[in-house]
């Protein structure tokens, strides 16, 4: 079906998902690009709708690639509705400077405390009011790469399902369990109830990150880019981790600091499994 009117209800629904309010209200979000959509399908993520730029508006080199993704979507167990859009309609939805010719509406996964903590001994990431979408996506992507079993996001974090964070996460949202919580106290209580030690990263931390045992059952807390970890989580923490620095910088970017600590946890786990 070809849609050429920007006022079409399908187009208007997709455009609305560029706003966080509508993503929160509907439980849906946008994914753009053949690689991400192919990965979603390979992970058996159900697509709500699939939008493709009409062939007459596509360069010849892209047609075969997008057609392969369309065929994969049609073969999925829960095949999405598929629509072809004129260039004007597609660009009204797309958030990238150079649209890749394919978009999907995806349903957000929902996890409970039970499903989130299903992996015995798993380490988890806790994001305490991380607001930059690039930091959010990068931290989640790194958590998955470092073998973490999930990530908690506290109220005050940016929207992980916004377009910039989705791109930065690079497919991690399809695989890494996420749990959204309202307060630091709620997070601390849940972590304690599930046997996790709370280790918060802080510029004034008293334990160098490499001296902290992190092979299993550890929750690494990364705080707000400007204000750091909230006082409530600092008070609940079992230890405060620092990253020693030789230069004059007082702190590191939140995503970089989180990556350093999470990969130390991964290194420790590898060493333990090889002993």
C-alpha atoms as a PDB file:
ATOM      1  CA  UNK A   1       0.000   0.000   0.000  1.00  0.00           C
ATOM      2  CA  UNK A   2       1.438   3.386  -1.031  1.00  0.00           C
ATOM      3  CA  UNK A   3       0.823   6.344   1.284  1.00  0.00           C
ATOM      4  CA  UNK A   4       1.457   9.774  -0.191  1.00  0.00           C
ATOM      5  CA  UNK A   5      -0.469  12.045   2.192  1.00  0.00           C
ATOM      6  CA  UNK A   6       1.322  13.324   5.337  1.00  0.00           C
ATOM      7  CA  UNK A   7      -2.118  13.513   6.960  1.00  0.00           C
ATOM      8  CA  UNK A   8      -2.635   9.763   6.708  1.00  0.00           C
ATOM      9  CA  UNK A   9      -3.373   8.357  10.170  1.00  0.00           C
ATOM     10  CA  UNK A  10      -0.537   5.808   9.922  1.00  0.00           C
ATOM     11  CA  UNK A  11       1.932   8.584   9.189  1.00  0.00           C
ATOM     12  CA  UNK A  12       0.530  10.747  11.976  1.00  0.00           C
ATOM     13  CA  UNK A  13       0.834   7.868  14.456  1.00  0.00           C
ATOM     14  CA  UNK A  14       4.451   7.280  13.485  1.00  0.00           C
ATOM     15  CA  UNK A  15       5.284  11.000  13.669  1.00  0.00           C
ATOM     16  CA  UNK A  16       3.724  11.193  17.146  1.00  0.00           C
ATOM     17  CA  UNK A  17       6.248   8.624  18.395  1.00  0.00           C
ATOM     18  CA  UNK A  18       9.008  11.180  17.990  1.00  0.00           C
ATOM     19  CA  UNK A  19       7.623  12.680  21.229  1.00  0.00           C
ATOM     20  CA  UNK A  20       8.325  10.927  24.542  1.00  0.00           C
ATOM     21  CA  UNK A  21       4.773  11.488  25.795  1.00  0.00           C
ATOM     22  CA  UNK A  22       3.328   9.404  22.991  1.00  0.00           C
ATOM     23  CA  UNK A  23       5.973   6.713  23.409  1.00  0.00           C
ATOM     24  CA  UNK A  24       5.087   6.512  27.101  1.00  0.00           C
ATOM     25  CA  UNK A  25       1.340   6.508  26.436  1.00  0.00           C
ATOM     26  CA  UNK A  26       1.386   3.849  23.719  1.00  0.00           C
ATOM     27  CA  UNK A  27       4.308   1.644  24.747  1.00  0.00           C
ATOM     28  CA  UNK A  28       5.622   1.945  21.179  1.00  0.00           C
ATOM     29  CA  UNK A  29       8.791   3.431  19.707  1.00  0.00           C
ATOM     30  CA  UNK A  30      10.511   3.926  16.351  1.00  0.00           C
ATOM     31  CA  UNK A  31      13.460   2.016  14.946  1.00  0.00           C
ATOM     32  CA  UNK A  32      15.154   3.271  11.793  1.00  0.00           C
ATOM     33  CA  UNK A  33      17.533   1.580   9.375  1.00  0.00           C
ATOM     34  CA  UNK A  34      17.867  -1.877   7.806  1.00  0.00           C
ATOM     35  CA  UNK A  35      20.508  -3.143  10.223  1.00  0.00           C
ATOM     36  CA  UNK A  36      18.521  -2.418  13.376  1.00  0.00           C
ATOM     37  CA  UNK A  37      15.265  -3.703  11.921  1.00  0.00           C
ATOM     38  CA  UNK A  38      16.922  -6.880  10.645  1.00  0.00           C
ATOM     39  CA  UNK A  39      18.403  -7.412  14.102  1.00  0.00           C
ATOM     40  CA  UNK A  40      15.001  -6.916  15.731  1.00  0.00           C
ATOM     41  CA  UNK A  41      13.491  -9.549  13.463  1.00  0.00           C
ATOM     42  CA  UNK A  42      16.350 -11.949  14.141  1.00  0.00           C
ATOM     43  CA  UNK A  43      15.718 -11.511  17.875  1.00  0.00           C
ATOM     44  CA  UNK A  44      12.018 -12.314  17.314  1.00  0.00           C
ATOM     45  CA  UNK A  45      10.981  -8.802  18.294  1.00  0.00           C
ATOM     46  CA  UNK A  46       7.451  -8.244  17.009  1.00  0.00           C
ATOM     47  CA  UNK A  47       7.150  -5.244  14.704  1.00  0.00           C
ATOM     48  CA  UNK A  48       3.907  -3.313  14.946  1.00  0.00           C
ATOM     49  CA  UNK A  49       4.297  -1.680  11.499  1.00  0.00           C
ATOM     50  CA  UNK A  50       6.965  -1.432   8.825  1.00  0.00           C
ATOM     51  CA  UNK A  51       7.397   1.621   6.573  1.00  0.00           C
ATOM     52  CA  UNK A  52       9.513   1.651   3.434  1.00  0.00           C
ATOM     53  CA  UNK A  53      10.377   4.521   1.140  1.00  0.00           C
ATOM     54  CA  UNK A  54       8.768   3.896  -2.234  1.00  0.00           C
ATOM     55  CA  UNK A  55      11.133   2.416  -4.805  1.00  0.00           C
ATOM     56  CA  UNK A  56      10.927   5.372  -7.162  1.00  0.00           C
ATOM     57  CA  UNK A  57      12.420   7.548  -4.392  1.00  0.00           C
ATOM     58  CA  UNK A  58      15.230   5.100  -3.556  1.00  0.00           C
ATOM     59  CA  UNK A  59      18.699   4.816  -5.066  1.00  0.00           C
ATOM     60  CA  UNK A  60      19.041   1.550  -6.994  1.00  0.00           C
ATOM     61  CA  UNK A  61      21.776   0.349  -4.612  1.00  0.00           C
ATOM     62  CA  UNK A  62      19.367   0.356  -1.651  1.00  0.00           C
ATOM     63  CA  UNK A  63      16.379  -1.414  -3.194  1.00  0.00           C
ATOM     64  CA  UNK A  64      17.695  -4.967  -2.865  1.00  0.00           C
ATOM     65  CA  UNK A  65      18.787  -4.462   0.756  1.00  0.00           C
ATOM     66  CA  UNK A  66      15.428  -3.067   1.857  1.00  0.00           C
ATOM     67  CA  UNK A  67      13.543  -5.693  -0.098  1.00  0.00           C
ATOM     68  CA  UNK A  68      15.443  -8.401   1.782  1.00  0.00           C
ATOM     69  CA  UNK A  69      14.364  -6.868   5.114  1.00  0.00           C
ATOM     70  CA  UNK A  70      10.761  -6.669   3.909  1.00  0.00           C
ATOM     71  CA  UNK A  71      10.801 -10.362   2.970  1.00  0.00           C
ATOM     72  CA  UNK A  72      12.235 -11.223   6.389  1.00  0.00           C
ATOM     73  CA  UNK A  73       9.451  -9.220   8.066  1.00  0.00           C
ATOM     74  CA  UNK A  74       6.760 -10.951   6.018  1.00  0.00           C
ATOM     75  CA  UNK A  75       8.152 -14.327   7.078  1.00  0.00           C
ATOM     76  CA  UNK A  76       8.075 -13.443  10.793  1.00  0.00           C
ATOM     77  CA  UNK A  77       5.663 -15.309  13.025  1.00  0.00           C
ATOM     78  CA  UNK A  78       3.876 -12.043  13.783  1.00  0.00           C
ATOM     79  CA  UNK A  79       4.160 -10.300  10.425  1.00  0.00           C
ATOM     80  CA  UNK A  80       3.746  -6.506  10.661  1.00  0.00           C
ATOM     81  CA  UNK A  81       1.579  -4.310   8.491  1.00  0.00           C
ATOM     82  CA  UNK A  82       3.796  -3.035   5.678  1.00  0.00           C
ATOM     83  CA  UNK A  83       3.403   0.368   4.024  1.00  0.00           C
ATOM     84  CA  UNK A  84       5.299   2.183   1.273  1.00  0.00           C
ATOM     85  CA  UNK A  85       5.680   5.938   1.720  1.00  0.00           C
ATOM     86  CA  UNK A  86       6.364   8.835  -0.580  1.00  0.00           C
ATOM     87  CA  UNK A  87       9.552  10.780   0.135  1.00  0.00           C
ATOM     88  CA  UNK A  88       7.633  13.607   1.849  1.00  0.00           C
ATOM     89  CA  UNK A  89       5.810  11.204   4.160  1.00  0.00           C
ATOM     90  CA  UNK A  90       8.950   9.274   5.022  1.00  0.00           C
ATOM     91  CA  UNK A  91      10.980  12.382   5.806  1.00  0.00           C
ATOM     92  CA  UNK A  92       8.204  13.651   8.046  1.00  0.00           C
ATOM     93  CA  UNK A  93       8.724  10.596  10.280  1.00  0.00           C
ATOM     94  CA  UNK A  94      12.496  10.057  10.018  1.00  0.00           C
ATOM     95  CA  UNK A  95      14.802  11.762  12.532  1.00  0.00           C
ATOM     96  CA  UNK A  96      18.075  11.297  10.640  1.00  0.00           C
ATOM     97  CA  UNK A  97      19.645  13.799   8.242  1.00  0.00           C
ATOM     98  CA  UNK A  98      19.908  11.123   5.532  1.00  0.00           C
ATOM     99  CA  UNK A  99      16.987   8.686   5.937  1.00  0.00           C
ATOM    100  CA  UNK A 100      17.858   5.054   5.284  1.00  0.00           C
ATOM    101  CA  UNK A 101      14.562   4.213   3.610  1.00  0.00           C
ATOM    102  CA  UNK A 102      13.052   1.927   6.237  1.00  0.00           C
ATOM    103  CA  UNK A 103      11.357   2.475   9.612  1.00  0.00           C
ATOM    104  CA  UNK A 104       9.513   0.241  12.050  1.00  0.00           C
ATOM    105  CA  UNK A 105       7.198   0.776  14.990  1.00  0.00           C
ATOM    106  CA  UNK A 106       8.213  -1.576  17.791  1.00  0.00           C
ATOM    107  CA  UNK A 107       6.517  -2.537  21.059  1.00  0.00           C
ATOM    108  CA  UNK A 108       8.518  -1.835  24.204  1.00  0.00           C
ATOM    109  CA  UNK A 109       9.307  -5.009  26.175  1.00  0.00           C
ATOM    110  CA  UNK A 110       8.001  -5.185  29.742  1.00  0.00           C
ATOM    111  CA  UNK A 111       9.964  -6.838  32.548  1.00  0.00           C
ATOM    112  CA  UNK A 112       8.932  -7.618  36.104  1.00  0.00           C
ATOM    113  CA  UNK A 113      11.227  -7.918  39.109  1.00  0.00           C
ATOM    114  CA  UNK A 114      11.076 -11.697  38.706  1.00  0.00           C
ATOM    115  CA  UNK A 115      12.107 -11.732  35.037  1.00  0.00           C
ATOM    116  CA  UNK A 116      14.709  -9.002  35.533  1.00  0.00           C
ATOM    117  CA  UNK A 117      16.547 -10.945  38.246  1.00  0.00           C
ATOM    118  CA  UNK A 118      16.126 -14.343  36.589  1.00  0.00           C
ATOM    119  CA  UNK A 119      19.860 -14.813  35.938  1.00  0.00           C
ATOM    120  CA  UNK A 120      21.563 -16.197  39.046  1.00  0.00           C
ATOM    121  CA  UNK A 121      24.634 -14.201  40.042  1.00  0.00           C
ATOM    122  CA  UNK A 122      24.202 -11.621  37.286  1.00  0.00           C
ATOM    123  CA  UNK A 123      25.658  -8.140  37.588  1.00  0.00           C
ATOM    124  CA  UNK A 124      23.313  -5.241  36.861  1.00  0.00           C
ATOM    125  CA  UNK A 125      23.758  -1.626  35.836  1.00  0.00           C
ATOM    126  CA  UNK A 126      21.838   1.137  37.624  1.00  0.00           C
ATOM    127  CA  UNK A 127      21.427   4.466  35.835  1.00  0.00           C
ATOM    128  CA  UNK A 128      20.621   7.280  38.246  1.00  0.00           C
ATOM    129  CA  UNK A 129      19.226  10.238  36.274  1.00  0.00           C
ATOM    130  CA  UNK A 130      21.500   9.832  33.246  1.00  0.00           C
ATOM    131  CA  UNK A 131      20.008  12.327  30.833  1.00  0.00           C
ATOM    132  CA  UNK A 132      22.108  12.478  27.667  1.00  0.00           C
ATOM    133  CA  UNK A 133      20.656  10.037  25.091  1.00  0.00           C
ATOM    134  CA  UNK A 134      24.102   9.206  23.734  1.00  0.00           C
ATOM    135  CA  UNK A 135      25.308   8.290  27.222  1.00  0.00           C
ATOM    136  CA  UNK A 136      22.184   6.231  27.842  1.00  0.00           C
ATOM    137  CA  UNK A 137      22.501   4.188  24.686  1.00  0.00           C
ATOM    138  CA  UNK A 138      26.254   3.738  25.065  1.00  0.00           C
ATOM    139  CA  UNK A 139      25.979   2.603  28.697  1.00  0.00           C
ATOM    140  CA  UNK A 140      23.331   0.015  27.823  1.00  0.00           C
ATOM    141  CA  UNK A 141      25.312  -1.214  24.830  1.00  0.00           C
ATOM    142  CA  UNK A 142      28.415  -1.543  27.023  1.00  0.00           C
ATOM    143  CA  UNK A 143      26.483  -3.328  29.775  1.00  0.00           C
ATOM    144  CA  UNK A 144      25.397  -5.993  27.325  1.00  0.00           C
ATOM    145  CA  UNK A 145      28.900  -6.311  25.879  1.00  0.00           C
ATOM    146  CA  UNK A 146      30.370  -6.681  29.377  1.00  0.00           C
ATOM    147  CA  UNK A 147      27.981  -9.508  30.227  1.00  0.00           C
ATOM    148  CA  UNK A 148      25.635  -7.642  32.562  1.00  0.00           C
ATOM    149  CA  UNK A 149      22.243  -9.264  32.986  1.00  0.00           C
ATOM    150  CA  UNK A 150      20.150  -6.088  32.927  1.00  0.00           C
ATOM    151  CA  UNK A 151      19.893  -2.378  33.641  1.00  0.00           C
ATOM    152  CA  UNK A 152      17.716  -0.369  36.011  1.00  0.00           C
ATOM    153  CA  UNK A 153      16.743   3.145  34.962  1.00  0.00           C
ATOM    154  CA  UNK A 154      15.567   5.504  37.668  1.00  0.00           C
ATOM    155  CA  UNK A 155      13.046   8.280  37.186  1.00  0.00           C
ATOM    156  CA  UNK A 156      14.852  11.340  35.864  1.00  0.00           C
ATOM    157  CA  UNK A 157      16.791   9.441  33.208  1.00  0.00           C
ATOM    158  CA  UNK A 158      16.379  10.521  29.616  1.00  0.00           C
ATOM    159  CA  UNK A 159      14.199   8.425  27.356  1.00  0.00           C
ATOM    160  CA  UNK A 160      16.056   5.308  26.303  1.00  0.00           C
ATOM    161  CA  UNK A 161      13.472   4.808  23.533  1.00  0.00           C
ATOM    162  CA  UNK A 162      14.140   8.201  21.952  1.00  0.00           C
ATOM    163  CA  UNK A 163      15.749   8.103  18.480  1.00  0.00           C
ATOM    164  CA  UNK A 164      19.264   9.154  19.562  1.00  0.00           C
ATOM    165  CA  UNK A 165      19.404   6.648  22.414  1.00  0.00           C
ATOM    166  CA  UNK A 166      18.015   3.879  20.197  1.00  0.00           C
ATOM    167  CA  UNK A 167      20.775   4.505  17.656  1.00  0.00           C
ATOM    168  CA  UNK A 168      23.475   4.643  20.352  1.00  0.00           C
ATOM    169  CA  UNK A 169      22.243   1.387  21.908  1.00  0.00           C
ATOM    170  CA  UNK A 170      22.727  -0.330  18.524  1.00  0.00           C
ATOM    171  CA  UNK A 171      20.295  -3.204  19.054  1.00  0.00           C
ATOM    172  CA  UNK A 172      20.877  -3.724  22.782  1.00  0.00           C
ATOM    173  CA  UNK A 173      17.268  -2.711  23.518  1.00  0.00           C
ATOM    174  CA  UNK A 174      16.119  -5.912  21.808  1.00  0.00           C
ATOM    175  CA  UNK A 175      18.130  -8.113  24.186  1.00  0.00           C
ATOM    176  CA  UNK A 176      19.053  -6.464  27.499  1.00  0.00           C
ATOM    177  CA  UNK A 177      16.303  -6.556  30.165  1.00  0.00           C
ATOM    178  CA  UNK A 178      15.407  -3.080  31.445  1.00  0.00           C
ATOM    179  CA  UNK A 179      13.553  -2.183  34.632  1.00  0.00           C
ATOM    180  CA  UNK A 180      12.153   1.313  35.200  1.00  0.00           C
ATOM    181  CA  UNK A 181      11.846   2.478  38.820  1.00  0.00           C
ATOM    182  CA  UNK A 182      10.589   5.646  40.468  1.00  0.00           C
ATOM    183  CA  UNK A 183      12.935   6.221  43.406  1.00  0.00           C
ATOM    184  CA  UNK A 184      16.469   5.414  44.598  1.00  0.00           C
ATOM    185  CA  UNK A 185      14.971   3.835  47.711  1.00  0.00           C
ATOM    186  CA  UNK A 186      12.885   1.486  45.578  1.00  0.00           C
ATOM    187  CA  UNK A 187      15.970   0.495  43.596  1.00  0.00           C
ATOM    188  CA  UNK A 188      18.100  -0.069  46.700  1.00  0.00           C
ATOM    189  CA  UNK A 189      15.420  -2.180  48.369  1.00  0.00           C
ATOM    190  CA  UNK A 190      14.941  -4.338  45.279  1.00  0.00           C
ATOM    191  CA  UNK A 191      18.674  -4.837  44.827  1.00  0.00           C
ATOM    192  CA  UNK A 192      19.077  -5.868  48.454  1.00  0.00           C
ATOM    193  CA  UNK A 193      16.129  -8.250  48.251  1.00  0.00           C
ATOM    194  CA  UNK A 194      17.789  -9.949  45.276  1.00  0.00           C
ATOM    195  CA  UNK A 195      21.207 -10.293  46.851  1.00  0.00           C
ATOM    196  CA  UNK A 196      23.080  -7.543  44.988  1.00  0.00           C
ATOM    197  CA  UNK A 197      25.925  -5.487  46.445  1.00  0.00           C
ATOM    198  CA  UNK A 198      25.593  -1.821  45.521  1.00  0.00           C
ATOM    199  CA  UNK A 199      28.756  -0.166  44.195  1.00  0.00           C
ATOM    200  CA  UNK A 200      28.378   3.478  43.205  1.00  0.00           C
ATOM    201  CA  UNK A 201      30.840   5.373  41.021  1.00  0.00           C
ATOM    202  CA  UNK A 202      31.836   8.730  42.507  1.00  0.00           C
ATOM    203  CA  UNK A 203      34.659  11.223  42.002  1.00  0.00           C
ATOM    204  CA  UNK A 204      35.398  11.030  45.733  1.00  0.00           C
ATOM    205  CA  UNK A 205      35.034   7.276  46.042  1.00  0.00           C
ATOM    206  CA  UNK A 206      37.279   5.582  48.590  1.00  0.00           C
ATOM    207  CA  UNK A 207      37.938   2.326  46.678  1.00  0.00           C
ATOM    208  CA  UNK A 208      39.709   2.196  43.306  1.00  0.00           C
ATOM    209  CA  UNK A 209      37.398   0.307  40.956  1.00  0.00           C
ATOM    210  CA  UNK A 210      39.980  -2.415  40.288  1.00  0.00           C
ATOM    211  CA  UNK A 211      40.216  -3.248  44.013  1.00  0.00           C
ATOM    212  CA  UNK A 212      36.500  -4.044  44.297  1.00  0.00           C
ATOM    213  CA  UNK A 213      35.392  -7.684  43.792  1.00  0.00           C
ATOM    214  CA  UNK A 214      32.790  -7.605  41.002  1.00  0.00           C
ATOM    215  CA  UNK A 215      32.597 -11.137  39.614  1.00  0.00           C
ATOM    216  CA  UNK A 216      28.917 -11.605  40.479  1.00  0.00           C
ATOM    217  CA  UNK A 217      25.854 -10.121  42.167  1.00  0.00           C
ATOM    218  CA  UNK A 218      27.040  -6.514  41.918  1.00  0.00           C
ATOM    219  CA  UNK A 219      24.970  -3.470  40.990  1.00  0.00           C
ATOM    220  CA  UNK A 220      27.114  -0.721  39.438  1.00  0.00           C
ATOM    221  CA  UNK A 221      25.509   2.702  39.886  1.00  0.00           C
ATOM    222  CA  UNK A 222      26.360   5.495  37.419  1.00  0.00           C
ATOM    223  CA  UNK A 223      25.003   8.894  38.381  1.00  0.00           C
ATOM    224  CA  UNK A 224      23.807  12.051  36.682  1.00  0.00           C
ATOM    225  CA  UNK A 225      26.275  13.782  34.354  1.00  0.00           C
ATOM    226  CA  UNK A 226      26.351  16.940  36.490  1.00  0.00           C
ATOM    227  CA  UNK A 227      25.385  15.899  40.001  1.00  0.00           C
ATOM    228  CA  UNK A 228      26.595  12.322  40.235  1.00  0.00           C
ATOM    229  CA  UNK A 229      24.902   9.564  42.208  1.00  0.00           C
ATOM    230  CA  UNK A 230      21.917  10.654  44.308  1.00  0.00           C
ATOM    231  CA  UNK A 231      22.468  10.986  48.093  1.00  0.00           C
ATOM    232  CA  UNK A 232      19.977   8.174  48.724  1.00  0.00           C
ATOM    233  CA  UNK A 233      21.945   5.672  46.642  1.00  0.00           C
ATOM    234  CA  UNK A 234      25.248   6.890  48.044  1.00  0.00           C
ATOM    235  CA  UNK A 235      23.897   6.181  51.516  1.00  0.00           C
ATOM    236  CA  UNK A 236      22.656   2.740  50.472  1.00  0.00           C
ATOM    237  CA  UNK A 237      25.902   1.805  48.680  1.00  0.00           C
ATOM    238  CA  UNK A 238      28.195  -0.889  50.033  1.00  0.00           C
ATOM    239  CA  UNK A 239      31.153   0.877  48.459  1.00  0.00           C
ATOM    240  CA  UNK A 240      31.990   4.030  46.554  1.00  0.00           C
ATOM    241  CA  UNK A 241      34.228   3.419  43.548  1.00  0.00           C
ATOM    242  CA  UNK A 242      36.781   5.837  42.149  1.00  0.00           C
ATOM    243  CA  UNK A 243      38.720   5.861  38.881  1.00  0.00           C
ATOM    244  CA  UNK A 244      42.242   7.152  39.590  1.00  0.00           C
ATOM    245  CA  UNK A 245      43.416   9.794  37.122  1.00  0.00           C
ATOM    246  CA  UNK A 246      46.926  11.055  36.460  1.00  0.00           C
ATOM    247  CA  UNK A 247      45.920  14.317  34.784  1.00  0.00           C
ATOM    248  CA  UNK A 248      44.094  17.383  36.050  1.00  0.00           C
ATOM    249  CA  UNK A 249      40.600  16.276  35.059  1.00  0.00           C
ATOM    250  CA  UNK A 250      38.284  15.888  38.020  1.00  0.00           C
ATOM    251  CA  UNK A 251      35.922  13.403  36.386  1.00  0.00           C
ATOM    252  CA  UNK A 252      35.196  11.369  33.265  1.00  0.00           C
ATOM    253  CA  UNK A 253      32.213  11.273  30.935  1.00  0.00           C
ATOM    254  CA  UNK A 254      29.496   9.092  32.481  1.00  0.00           C
ATOM    255  CA  UNK A 255      29.487   6.574  29.634  1.00  0.00           C
ATOM    256  CA  UNK A 256      33.277   6.268  29.689  1.00  0.00           C
ATOM    257  CA  UNK A 257      33.409   5.850  33.477  1.00  0.00           C
ATOM    258  CA  UNK A 258      30.666   3.229  33.358  1.00  0.00           C
ATOM    259  CA  UNK A 259      32.456   1.383  30.581  1.00  0.00           C
ATOM    260  CA  UNK A 260      35.739   1.246  32.502  1.00  0.00           C
ATOM    261  CA  UNK A 261      34.063  -0.171  35.612  1.00  0.00           C
ATOM    262  CA  UNK A 262      31.834  -2.646  33.773  1.00  0.00           C
ATOM    263  CA  UNK A 263      34.756  -4.011  31.799  1.00  0.00           C
ATOM    264  CA  UNK A 264      36.731  -4.486  35.013  1.00  0.00           C
ATOM    265  CA  UNK A 265      33.818  -6.607  36.245  1.00  0.00           C
ATOM    266  CA  UNK A 266      33.972  -8.559  32.991  1.00  0.00           C
ATOM    267  CA  UNK A 267      37.743  -9.008  33.329  1.00  0.00           C
ATOM    268  CA  UNK A 268      37.367 -10.316  36.873  1.00  0.00           C
ATOM    269  CA  UNK A 269      34.705 -12.792  35.779  1.00  0.00           C
ATOM    270  CA  UNK A 270      36.925 -14.048  32.945  1.00  0.00           C
ATOM    271  CA  UNK A 271      39.866 -14.525  35.326  1.00  0.00           C
ATOM    272  CA  UNK A 272      37.670 -16.460  37.731  1.00  0.00           C
ATOM    273  CA  UNK A 273      36.326 -18.799  35.046  1.00  0.00           C
ATOM    274  CA  UNK A 274      39.874 -19.578  33.867  1.00  0.00           C
ATOM    275  CA  UNK A 275      41.155 -20.516  37.321  1.00  0.00           C
END
